[in-house]
Amino acid sequence: MPQKVQQHHRLGTEVLPGCNLTQLTTQQIQEFKQSLWANGVVVLRKQHLTASQLQEFANRAFGESGFKYPPQPLDPDIDPNLQSPGVGILGNPKTNSPEILGKFAWQWHHDKDHLPRTTGLDMNSLYVVMLYGVEIPAQGLDGQPHTTEFLDMVEAYQNLEPEYQRQLEQMSMYHLPPASKLGAEVPMKKHPIVSTHKVTGQKGLYLGSDTSILLGMEDELSLAKQFWHELFQRILEGTPVYAHVWQPGDLVFWDNSQVMHAGVPYDASKYKRVALRVGAVDR
């Protein structure tokens, strides 16, 4: 079993206590981004935001994404303040439905969903995800406080034996968009397993998800999946898992060049969970 911790020397650092996200100065935004690159996962607490305000901050802090979001009519069963183009809703936001949106995120992965699909963006681009907790379940299926789990992939690399580090530095994987199945129409991009962060210069591991295909195993998909799971299990056994315990109003940012994450299941027949998600590339 992996070691789980609720305090980590890097991941989950609280930034700008007492600040209102919609009123940050340019200098505060720069301080926030420096902390994000330094720590991998940062948290702003006690925020009160609409979906459009969250998207506006993403544009201000990281620049216009350029991702194309087809217009969608407002869902009458969801608060209009929670809806905006480019903002995803995770959880079970509909009052009369226990259907959970985003259950695929309950497995370990890096969030770089737009990168394989978007021309001109390499897989090492600085893809940041922000997740805003509006309503939080009292607990997960494990009976513990509701969390999202993170792995520090810089630490994971540093924990490996030098010889194994050198072996992995010679390897690359093909990555697919989430929930994709291999096929001629599905875009794939190559990324080294060991990559250098574009801001910090630190080396870390990038695994994508278990749909990633080791270069040279394109025609042996079962072996590619086995390789991924064996490598990930080795990392999981040697690297503590940071479990962020959610509070309503938490806004968690993570740098997908540095961390993997996984959602934790909860009982949607007992609890409501509403979280707003925005992804952005720092240009």
Foldseek 3Di string as FASTA:
>chain_A
DFAEDQDDPAAAAEPDEPDELLPDDPVSLVVVVVSCVRRQKYKYFDYDAFLVSVVVSLCVNFNDFPDDFDDDDDDPQADVSNDDTQKDKFWQRGPVDLDTPPQLQQAKFFPPQCQLVDPPHAPLFFKKKKKAWAFAWCPFPVRHFFWKKKFFQLVLLVQDDPVVNVVQQVKKKWEWHPPDDDDPVTGIHIDRQWDAHPPPRGIGGHQGGLQIAIVVCPVPSVVRSVVSVVVVVSSSRRTYMHIHRDDHRMMMMGTSSTMIIGGGHHRSVVGTTIMMMHMHTRD
